[in-house]
Amino acid sequence: MTGDKIALENEPPNGGEPLLIEMMGSGKRTAVSEPITVMRERCIANLARLPRRFHQMNRAVTYPVRYSKRLKALLEKVRRRVRRSALK
């Protein structure tokens, strides 16, 4: 793992792997609950994939996070709309 990319839901992962899984929708469970042992093993495996410098919670290390081009464009569109409405 070299960093995370935050993207819109319908954007392709481009080599990345989605980290979030839908578990609830409209107030109802949409996925089967996993045993705690399965969750624990996945957590251990994912932590092992991180570079060593990110293994300690008390260290001041910045994990790189970037935003997709489409998400950045959407943010700019919202900012322009907010600026225009503030001028009225």
PDB file of N, CA and C in Angstrom:
ATOM      1  N   MET A   1       0.848  -1.180   0.000  1.00  0.00           N
ATOM      2  CA  MET A   1       0.000   0.000   0.000  1.00  0.00           C
ATOM      3  C   MET A   1       0.892   1.241   0.000  1.00  0.00           C
ATOM      4  N   THR A   2       0.604   2.131  -0.919  1.00  0.00           N
ATOM      5  CA  THR A   2       1.396   3.361  -0.992  1.00  0.00           C
ATOM      6  C   THR A   2       0.568   4.595  -0.698  1.00  0.00           C
ATOM      7  N   GLY A   3      -0.722   4.446  -0.527  1.00  0.00           N
ATOM      8  CA  GLY A   3      -1.599   5.578  -0.243  1.00  0.00           C
ATOM      9  C   GLY A   3      -3.024   5.224  -0.613  1.00  0.00           C
ATOM     10  N   ASP A   4      -3.936   6.137  -0.310  1.00  0.00           N
ATOM     11  CA  ASP A   4      -5.347   5.941  -0.623  1.00  0.00           C
ATOM     12  C   ASP A   4      -5.797   6.978  -1.636  1.00  0.00           C
ATOM     13  N   LYS A   5      -6.827   6.617  -2.390  1.00  0.00           N
ATOM     14  CA  LYS A   5      -7.438   7.530  -3.345  1.00  0.00           C
ATOM     15  C   LYS A   5      -8.921   7.564  -3.037  1.00  0.00           C
ATOM     16  N   ILE A   6      -9.433   8.755  -2.795  1.00  0.00           N
ATOM     17  CA  ILE A   6     -10.862   8.919  -2.549  1.00  0.00           C
ATOM     18  C   ILE A   6     -11.504   9.289  -3.876  1.00  0.00           C
ATOM     19  N   ALA A   7     -12.511   8.520  -4.271  1.00  0.00           N
ATOM     20  CA  ALA A   7     -13.153   8.714  -5.565  1.00  0.00           C
ATOM     21  C   ALA A   7     -14.664   8.621  -5.407  1.00  0.00           C
ATOM     22  N   LEU A   8     -15.362   9.002  -6.462  1.00  0.00           N
ATOM     23  CA  LEU A   8     -16.806   8.861  -6.479  1.00  0.00           C
ATOM     24  C   LEU A   8     -17.175   7.379  -6.571  1.00  0.00           C
ATOM     25  N   GLU A   9     -18.338   7.044  -6.091  1.00  0.00           N
ATOM     26  CA  GLU A   9     -18.756   5.644  -6.033  1.00  0.00           C
ATOM     27  C   GLU A   9     -18.721   4.961  -7.400  1.00  0.00           C
ATOM     28  N   ASN A  10     -19.088   5.676  -8.449  1.00  0.00           N
ATOM     29  CA  ASN A  10     -19.179   5.053  -9.770  1.00  0.00           C
ATOM     30  C   ASN A  10     -17.888   5.149 -10.586  1.00  0.00           C
ATOM     31  N   GLU A  11     -16.805   5.616  -9.985  1.00  0.00           N
ATOM     32  CA  GLU A  11     -15.528   5.689 -10.689  1.00  0.00           C
ATOM     33  C   GLU A  11     -14.811   4.344 -10.629  1.00  0.00           C
ATOM     34  N   PRO A  12     -14.116   3.971 -11.710  1.00  0.00           N
ATOM     35  CA  PRO A  12     -13.360   2.719 -11.674  1.00  0.00           C
ATOM     36  C   PRO A  12     -12.188   2.826 -10.705  1.00  0.00           C
ATOM     37  N   PRO A  13     -11.801   1.726 -10.062  1.00  0.00           N
ATOM     38  CA  PRO A  13     -10.724   1.781  -9.069  1.00  0.00           C
ATOM     39  C   PRO A  13      -9.329   2.012  -9.661  1.00  0.00           C
ATOM     40  N   ASN A  14      -9.155   1.802 -10.982  1.00  0.00           N
ATOM     41  CA  ASN A  14      -7.853   2.015 -11.638  1.00  0.00           C
ATOM     42  C   ASN A  14      -6.704   1.348 -10.894  1.00  0.00           C
ATOM     43  N   GLY A  15      -6.831   0.065 -10.662  1.00  0.00           N
ATOM     44  CA  GLY A  15      -5.760  -0.676 -10.013  1.00  0.00           C
ATOM     45  C   GLY A  15      -5.866  -0.722  -8.504  1.00  0.00           C
ATOM     46  N   GLY A  16      -6.699   0.129  -7.935  1.00  0.00           N
ATOM     47  CA  GLY A  16      -6.881   0.116  -6.480  1.00  0.00           C
ATOM     48  C   GLY A  16      -7.934  -0.905  -6.089  1.00  0.00           C
ATOM     49  N   GLU A  17      -8.138  -1.019  -4.804  1.00  0.00           N
ATOM     50  CA  GLU A  17      -9.173  -1.936  -4.327  1.00  0.00           C
ATOM     51  C   GLU A  17     -10.080  -1.176  -3.374  1.00  0.00           C
ATOM     52  N   PRO A  18     -11.394  -1.231  -3.594  1.00  0.00           N
ATOM     53  CA  PRO A  18     -12.322  -0.516  -2.713  1.00  0.00           C
ATOM     54  C   PRO A  18     -12.169  -0.975  -1.269  1.00  0.00           C
ATOM     55  N   LEU A  19     -12.185  -0.024  -0.345  1.00  0.00           N
ATOM     56  CA  LEU A  19     -12.016  -0.350   1.069  1.00  0.00           C
ATOM     57  C   LEU A  19     -13.342  -0.420   1.819  1.00  0.00           C
ATOM     58  N   LEU A  20     -14.378   0.176   1.261  1.00  0.00           N
ATOM     59  CA  LEU A  20     -15.672   0.197   1.932  1.00  0.00           C
ATOM     60  C   LEU A  20     -16.622  -0.796   1.286  1.00  0.00           C
ATOM     61  N   ILE A  21     -17.380  -1.466   2.120  1.00  0.00           N
ATOM     62  CA  ILE A  21     -18.372  -2.432   1.657  1.00  0.00           C
ATOM     63  C   ILE A  21     -19.716  -2.007   2.237  1.00  0.00           C
ATOM     64  N   GLU A  22     -20.733  -1.955   1.397  1.00  0.00           N
ATOM     65  CA  GLU A  22     -22.054  -1.580   1.890  1.00  0.00           C
ATOM     66  C   GLU A  22     -22.572  -2.664   2.822  1.00  0.00           C
ATOM     67  N   MET A  23     -22.939  -2.262   4.030  1.00  0.00           N
ATOM     68  CA  MET A  23     -23.480  -3.200   5.010  1.00  0.00           C
ATOM     69  C   MET A  23     -24.933  -2.885   5.343  1.00  0.00           C
ATOM     70  N   MET A  24     -25.330  -1.611   5.169  1.00  0.00           N
ATOM     71  CA  MET A  24     -26.686  -1.183   5.491  1.00  0.00           C
ATOM     72  C   MET A  24     -27.217  -0.337   4.338  1.00  0.00           C
ATOM     73  N   GLY A  25     -28.518  -0.413   4.107  1.00  0.00           N
ATOM     74  CA  GLY A  25     -29.180   0.403   3.108  1.00  0.00           C
ATOM     75  C   GLY A  25     -30.640   0.562   3.475  1.00  0.00           C
ATOM     76  N   SER A  26     -31.116   1.803   3.455  1.00  0.00           N
ATOM     77  CA  SER A  26     -32.516   2.087   3.826  1.00  0.00           C
ATOM     78  C   SER A  26     -32.868   1.515   5.194  1.00  0.00           C
ATOM     79  N   GLY A  27     -31.898   1.562   6.107  1.00  0.00           N
ATOM     80  CA  GLY A  27     -32.140   1.102   7.463  1.00  0.00           C
ATOM     81  C   GLY A  27     -32.150  -0.403   7.642  1.00  0.00           C
ATOM     82  N   LYS A  28     -31.757  -1.132   6.610  1.00  0.00           N
ATOM     83  CA  LYS A  28     -31.751  -2.598   6.700  1.00  0.00           C
ATOM     84  C   LYS A  28     -30.375  -3.142   6.329  1.00  0.00           C
ATOM     85  N   ARG A  29     -30.027  -4.269   6.928  1.00  0.00           N
ATOM     86  CA  ARG A  29     -28.757  -4.928   6.622  1.00  0.00           C
ATOM     87  C   ARG A  29     -28.790  -5.422   5.181  1.00  0.00           C
ATOM     88  N   THR A  30     -27.708  -5.136   4.433  1.00  0.00           N
ATOM     89  CA  THR A  30     -27.625  -5.572   3.034  1.00  0.00           C
ATOM     90  C   THR A  30     -26.580  -6.664   2.840  1.00  0.00           C
ATOM     91  N   ALA A  31     -25.796  -6.934   3.853  1.00  0.00           N
ATOM     92  CA  ALA A  31     -24.751  -7.954   3.755  1.00  0.00           C
ATOM     93  C   ALA A  31     -24.832  -8.882   4.965  1.00  0.00           C
ATOM     94  N   VAL A  32     -24.365 -10.085   4.771  1.00  0.00           N
ATOM     95  CA  VAL A  32     -24.340 -11.074   5.852  1.00  0.00           C
ATOM     96  C   VAL A  32     -23.219 -10.708   6.826  1.00  0.00           C
ATOM     97  N   SER A  33     -23.504 -10.803   8.103  1.00  0.00           N
ATOM     98  CA  SER A  33     -22.513 -10.519   9.134  1.00  0.00           C
ATOM     99  C   SER A  33     -21.407 -11.581   9.111  1.00  0.00           C
ATOM    100  N   GLU A  34     -20.165 -11.128   9.220  1.00  0.00           N
ATOM    101  CA  GLU A  34     -19.031 -12.057   9.241  1.00  0.00           C
ATOM    102  C   GLU A  34     -18.679 -12.432  10.682  1.00  0.00           C
ATOM    103  N   PRO A  35     -18.132 -13.614  10.877  1.00  0.00           N
ATOM    104  CA  PRO A  35     -17.638 -13.964  12.210  1.00  0.00           C
ATOM    105  C   PRO A  35     -16.479 -13.030  12.604  1.00  0.00           C
ATOM    106  N   ILE A  36     -16.353 -12.746  13.866  1.00  0.00           N
ATOM    107  CA  ILE A  36     -15.306 -11.855  14.353  1.00  0.00           C
ATOM    108  C   ILE A  36     -13.914 -12.376  14.004  1.00  0.00           C
ATOM    109  N   THR A  37     -13.749 -13.682  13.930  1.00  0.00           N
ATOM    110  CA  THR A  37     -12.438 -14.247  13.583  1.00  0.00           C
ATOM    111  C   THR A  37     -12.047 -13.887  12.143  1.00  0.00           C
ATOM    112  N   VAL A  38     -13.012 -13.862  11.247  1.00  0.00           N
ATOM    113  CA  VAL A  38     -12.742 -13.486   9.852  1.00  0.00           C
ATOM    114  C   VAL A  38     -12.348 -12.014   9.780  1.00  0.00           C
ATOM    115  N   MET A  39     -13.075 -11.159  10.501  1.00  0.00           N
ATOM    116  CA  MET A  39     -12.751  -9.728  10.521  1.00  0.00           C
ATOM    117  C   MET A  39     -11.355  -9.489  11.108  1.00  0.00           C
ATOM    118  N   ARG A  40     -11.043 -10.222  12.168  1.00  0.00           N
ATOM    119  CA  ARG A  40      -9.741 -10.081  12.819  1.00  0.00           C
ATOM    120  C   ARG A  40      -8.614 -10.464  11.859  1.00  0.00           C
ATOM    121  N   GLU A  41      -8.760 -11.577  11.170  1.00  0.00           N
ATOM    122  CA  GLU A  41      -7.729 -12.034  10.230  1.00  0.00           C
ATOM    123  C   GLU A  41      -7.541 -11.038   9.082  1.00  0.00           C
ATOM    124  N   ARG A  42      -8.653 -10.475   8.578  1.00  0.00           N
ATOM    125  CA  ARG A  42      -8.553  -9.478   7.507  1.00  0.00           C
ATOM    126  C   ARG A  42      -7.822  -8.230   8.005  1.00  0.00           C
ATOM    127  N   CYS A  43      -8.121  -7.817   9.222  1.00  0.00           N
ATOM    128  CA  CYS A  43      -7.463  -6.658   9.808  1.00  0.00           C
ATOM    129  C   CYS A  43      -5.958  -6.899   9.932  1.00  0.00           C
ATOM    130  N   ILE A  44      -5.577  -8.039  10.446  1.00  0.00           N
ATOM    131  CA  ILE A  44      -4.157  -8.380  10.597  1.00  0.00           C
ATOM    132  C   ILE A  44      -3.467  -8.413   9.236  1.00  0.00           C
ATOM    133  N   ALA A  45      -4.116  -9.013   8.241  1.00  0.00           N
ATOM    134  CA  ALA A  45      -3.531  -9.097   6.897  1.00  0.00           C
ATOM    135  C   ALA A  45      -3.370  -7.708   6.281  1.00  0.00           C
ATOM    136  N   ASN A  46      -4.370  -6.845   6.446  1.00  0.00           N
ATOM    137  CA  ASN A  46      -4.285  -5.491   5.886  1.00  0.00           C
ATOM    138  C   ASN A  46      -3.232  -4.648   6.599  1.00  0.00           C
ATOM    139  N   LEU A  47      -3.109  -4.791   7.894  1.00  0.00           N
ATOM    140  CA  LEU A  47      -2.065  -4.058   8.624  1.00  0.00           C
ATOM    141  C   LEU A  47      -0.682  -4.501   8.160  1.00  0.00           C
ATOM    142  N   ALA A  48      -0.533  -5.787   7.877  1.00  0.00           N
ATOM    143  CA  ALA A  48       0.755  -6.311   7.413  1.00  0.00           C
ATOM    144  C   ALA A  48       1.141  -5.736   6.050  1.00  0.00           C
ATOM    145  N   ARG A  49       0.157  -5.326   5.262  1.00  0.00           N
ATOM    146  CA  ARG A  49       0.425  -4.746   3.939  1.00  0.00           C
ATOM    147  C   ARG A  49       0.917  -3.305   4.018  1.00  0.00           C
ATOM    148  N   LEU A  50       0.646  -2.637   5.129  1.00  0.00           N
ATOM    149  CA  LEU A  50       1.085  -1.249   5.280  1.00  0.00           C
ATOM    150  C   LEU A  50       2.597  -1.167   5.458  1.00  0.00           C
ATOM    151  N   PRO A  51       3.216  -0.098   4.947  1.00  0.00           N
ATOM    152  CA  PRO A  51       4.643   0.098   5.238  1.00  0.00           C
ATOM    153  C   PRO A  51       4.865   0.171   6.752  1.00  0.00           C
ATOM    154  N   ARG A  52       5.991  -0.307   7.208  1.00  0.00           N
ATOM    155  CA  ARG A  52       6.300  -0.417   8.640  1.00  0.00           C
ATOM    156  C   ARG A  52       6.105   0.899   9.396  1.00  0.00           C
ATOM    157  N   ARG A  53       6.426   2.020   8.759  1.00  0.00           N
ATOM    158  CA  ARG A  53       6.345   3.318   9.461  1.00  0.00           C
ATOM    159  C   ARG A  53       4.914   3.666   9.889  1.00  0.00           C
ATOM    160  N   PHE A  54       3.901   2.978   9.328  1.00  0.00           N
ATOM    161  CA  PHE A  54       2.515   3.245   9.696  1.00  0.00           C
ATOM    162  C   PHE A  54       1.980   2.269  10.738  1.00  0.00           C
ATOM    163  N   HIS A  55       2.809   1.382  11.246  1.00  0.00           N
ATOM    164  CA  HIS A  55       2.354   0.381  12.214  1.00  0.00           C
ATOM    165  C   HIS A  55       2.156   0.952  13.611  1.00  0.00           C
ATOM    166  N   GLN A  56       2.796   2.043  13.942  1.00  0.00           N
ATOM    167  CA  GLN A  56       2.688   2.643  15.276  1.00  0.00           C
ATOM    168  C   GLN A  56       1.673   3.780  15.259  1.00  0.00           C
ATOM    169  N   MET A  57       0.689   3.720  16.131  1.00  0.00           N
ATOM    170  CA  MET A  57      -0.349   4.751  16.184  1.00  0.00           C
ATOM    171  C   MET A  57       0.149   6.057  16.798  1.00  0.00           C
ATOM    172  N   ASN A  58       1.187   6.014  17.592  1.00  0.00           N
ATOM    173  CA  ASN A  58       1.623   7.215  18.307  1.00  0.00           C
ATOM    174  C   ASN A  58       2.692   8.007  17.547  1.00  0.00           C
ATOM    175  N   ARG A  59       3.046   7.594  16.371  1.00  0.00           N
ATOM    176  CA  ARG A  59       4.064   8.295  15.600  1.00  0.00           C
ATOM    177  C   ARG A  59       3.413   9.323  14.686  1.00  0.00           C
ATOM    178  N   ALA A  60       4.092  10.438  14.509  1.00  0.00           N
ATOM    179  CA  ALA A  60       3.582  11.510  13.649  1.00  0.00           C
ATOM    180  C   ALA A  60       4.002  11.250  12.199  1.00  0.00           C
ATOM    181  N   VAL A  61       3.316  10.332  11.540  1.00  0.00           N
ATOM    182  CA  VAL A  61       3.598   9.990  10.153  1.00  0.00           C
ATOM    183  C   VAL A  61       2.342  10.267   9.345  1.00  0.00           C
ATOM    184  N   THR A  62       2.486  10.899   8.210  1.00  0.00           N
ATOM    185  CA  THR A  62       1.345  11.218   7.364  1.00  0.00           C
ATOM    186  C   THR A  62       1.170  10.147   6.290  1.00  0.00           C
ATOM    187  N   TYR A  63      -0.011   9.579   6.232  1.00  0.00           N
ATOM    188  CA  TYR A  63      -0.332   8.585   5.213  1.00  0.00           C
ATOM    189  C   TYR A  63      -0.883   9.329   4.000  1.00  0.00           C
ATOM    190  N   PRO A  64      -0.339   9.095   2.812  1.00  0.00           N
ATOM    191  CA  PRO A  64      -0.777   9.864   1.646  1.00  0.00           C
ATOM    192  C   PRO A  64      -2.192   9.504   1.184  1.00  0.00           C
ATOM    193  N   VAL A  65      -3.020  10.542   1.042  1.00  0.00           N
ATOM    194  CA  VAL A  65      -4.382  10.388   0.549  1.00  0.00           C
ATOM    195  C   VAL A  65      -4.572  11.410  -0.568  1.00  0.00           C
ATOM    196  N   ARG A  66      -5.082  10.943  -1.715  1.00  0.00           N
ATOM    197  CA  ARG A  66      -5.341  11.874  -2.813  1.00  0.00           C
ATOM    198  C   ARG A  66      -6.776  11.696  -3.280  1.00  0.00           C
ATOM    199  N   TYR A  67      -7.245  12.668  -4.073  1.00  0.00           N
ATOM    200  CA  TYR A  67      -8.615  12.672  -4.558  1.00  0.00           C
ATOM    201  C   TYR A  67      -8.620  12.472  -6.066  1.00  0.00           C
ATOM    202  N   SER A  68      -9.627  11.785  -6.582  1.00  0.00           N
ATOM    203  CA  SER A  68      -9.734  11.556  -8.021  1.00  0.00           C
ATOM    204  C   SER A  68      -9.991  12.873  -8.744  1.00  0.00           C
ATOM    205  N   LYS A  69      -9.685  12.901 -10.029  1.00  0.00           N
ATOM    206  CA  LYS A  69      -9.907  14.107 -10.833  1.00  0.00           C
ATOM    207  C   LYS A  69     -11.385  14.485 -10.862  1.00  0.00           C
ATOM    208  N   ARG A  70     -12.252  13.501 -10.986  1.00  0.00           N
ATOM    209  CA  ARG A  70     -13.690  13.794 -11.027  1.00  0.00           C
ATOM    210  C   ARG A  70     -14.183  14.352  -9.699  1.00  0.00           C
ATOM    211  N   LEU A  71     -13.664  13.846  -8.595  1.00  0.00           N
ATOM    212  CA  LEU A  71     -14.060  14.357  -7.288  1.00  0.00           C
ATOM    213  C   LEU A  71     -13.564  15.787  -7.105  1.00  0.00           C
ATOM    214  N   LYS A  72     -12.335  16.067  -7.534  1.00  0.00           N
ATOM    215  CA  LYS A  72     -11.803  17.438  -7.460  1.00  0.00           C
ATOM    216  C   LYS A  72     -12.642  18.391  -8.308  1.00  0.00           C
ATOM    217  N   ALA A  73     -13.024  17.953  -9.504  1.00  0.00           N
ATOM    218  CA  ALA A  73     -13.839  18.789 -10.386  1.00  0.00           C
ATOM    219  C   ALA A  73     -15.201  19.073  -9.760  1.00  0.00           C
ATOM    220  N   LEU A  74     -15.791  18.079  -9.146  1.00  0.00           N
ATOM    221  CA  LEU A  74     -17.078  18.262  -8.478  1.00  0.00           C
ATOM    222  C   LEU A  74     -16.944  19.240  -7.313  1.00  0.00           C
ATOM    223  N   LEU A  75     -15.878  19.131  -6.557  1.00  0.00           N
ATOM    224  CA  LEU A  75     -15.636  20.049  -5.448  1.00  0.00           C
ATOM    225  C   LEU A  75     -15.519  21.489  -5.950  1.00  0.00           C
ATOM    226  N   GLU A  76     -14.787  21.692  -7.042  1.00  0.00           N
ATOM    227  CA  GLU A  76     -14.651  23.043  -7.605  1.00  0.00           C
ATOM    228  C   GLU A  76     -15.998  23.584  -8.070  1.00  0.00           C
ATOM    229  N   LYS A  77     -16.807  22.730  -8.672  1.00  0.00           N
ATOM    230  CA  LYS A  77     -18.135  23.143  -9.117  1.00  0.00           C
ATOM    231  C   LYS A  77     -18.983  23.606  -7.932  1.00  0.00           C
ATOM    232  N   VAL A  78     -18.929  22.857  -6.848  1.00  0.00           N
ATOM    233  CA  VAL A  78     -19.684  23.224  -5.637  1.00  0.00           C
ATOM    234  C   VAL A  78     -19.150  24.535  -5.065  1.00  0.00           C
ATOM    235  N   ARG A  79     -17.836  24.700  -5.018  1.00  0.00           N
ATOM    236  CA  ARG A  79     -17.249  25.942  -4.492  1.00  0.00           C
ATOM    237  C   ARG A  79     -17.680  27.149  -5.308  1.00  0.00           C
ATOM    238  N   ARG A  80     -17.685  27.017  -6.650  1.00  0.00           N
ATOM    239  CA  ARG A  80     -18.127  28.132  -7.504  1.00  0.00           C
ATOM    240  C   ARG A  80     -19.583  28.472  -7.241  1.00  0.00           C
ATOM    241  N   ARG A  81     -20.413  27.442  -7.099  1.00  0.00           N
ATOM    242  CA  ARG A  81     -21.830  27.664  -6.833  1.00  0.00           C
ATOM    243  C   ARG A  81     -22.032  28.369  -5.484  1.00  0.00           C
ATOM    244  N   VAL A  82     -21.273  27.983  -4.488  1.00  0.00           N
ATOM    245  CA  VAL A  82     -21.381  28.611  -3.159  1.00  0.00           C
ATOM    246  C   VAL A  82     -20.925  30.070  -3.237  1.00  0.00           C
ATOM    247  N   ARG A  83     -19.816  30.334  -3.948  1.00  0.00           N
ATOM    248  CA  ARG A  83     -19.329  31.715  -4.097  1.00  0.00           C
ATOM    249  C   ARG A  83     -20.376  32.581  -4.793  1.00  0.00           C
ATOM    250  N   ARG A  84     -20.982  32.059  -5.857  1.00  0.00           N
ATOM    251  CA  ARG A  84     -21.987  32.831  -6.592  1.00  0.00           C
ATOM    252  C   ARG A  84     -23.183  33.150  -5.710  1.00  0.00           C
ATOM    253  N   SER A  85     -23.645  32.177  -4.942  1.00  0.00           N
ATOM    254  CA  SER A  85     -24.812  32.424  -4.088  1.00  0.00           C
ATOM    255  C   SER A  85     -24.475  33.348  -2.925  1.00  0.00           C
ATOM    256  N   ALA A  86     -23.225  33.395  -2.509  1.00  0.00           N
ATOM    257  CA  ALA A  86     -22.807  34.295  -1.427  1.00  0.00           C
ATOM    258  C   ALA A  86     -22.782  35.740  -1.907  1.00  0.00           C
ATOM    259  N   LEU A  87     -22.578  35.947  -3.201  1.00  0.00           N
ATOM    260  CA  LEU A  87     -22.531  37.298  -3.767  1.00  0.00           C
ATOM    261  C   LEU A  87     -23.923  37.899  -3.961  1.00  0.00           C
ATOM    262  N   LYS A  88     -24.954  37.086  -3.938  1.00  0.00           N
ATOM    263  CA  LYS A  88     -26.321  37.569  -4.171  1.00  0.00           C
ATOM    264  C   LYS A  88     -26.874  38.258  -2.971  1.00  0.00           C
TER     265      LYS A  88
END
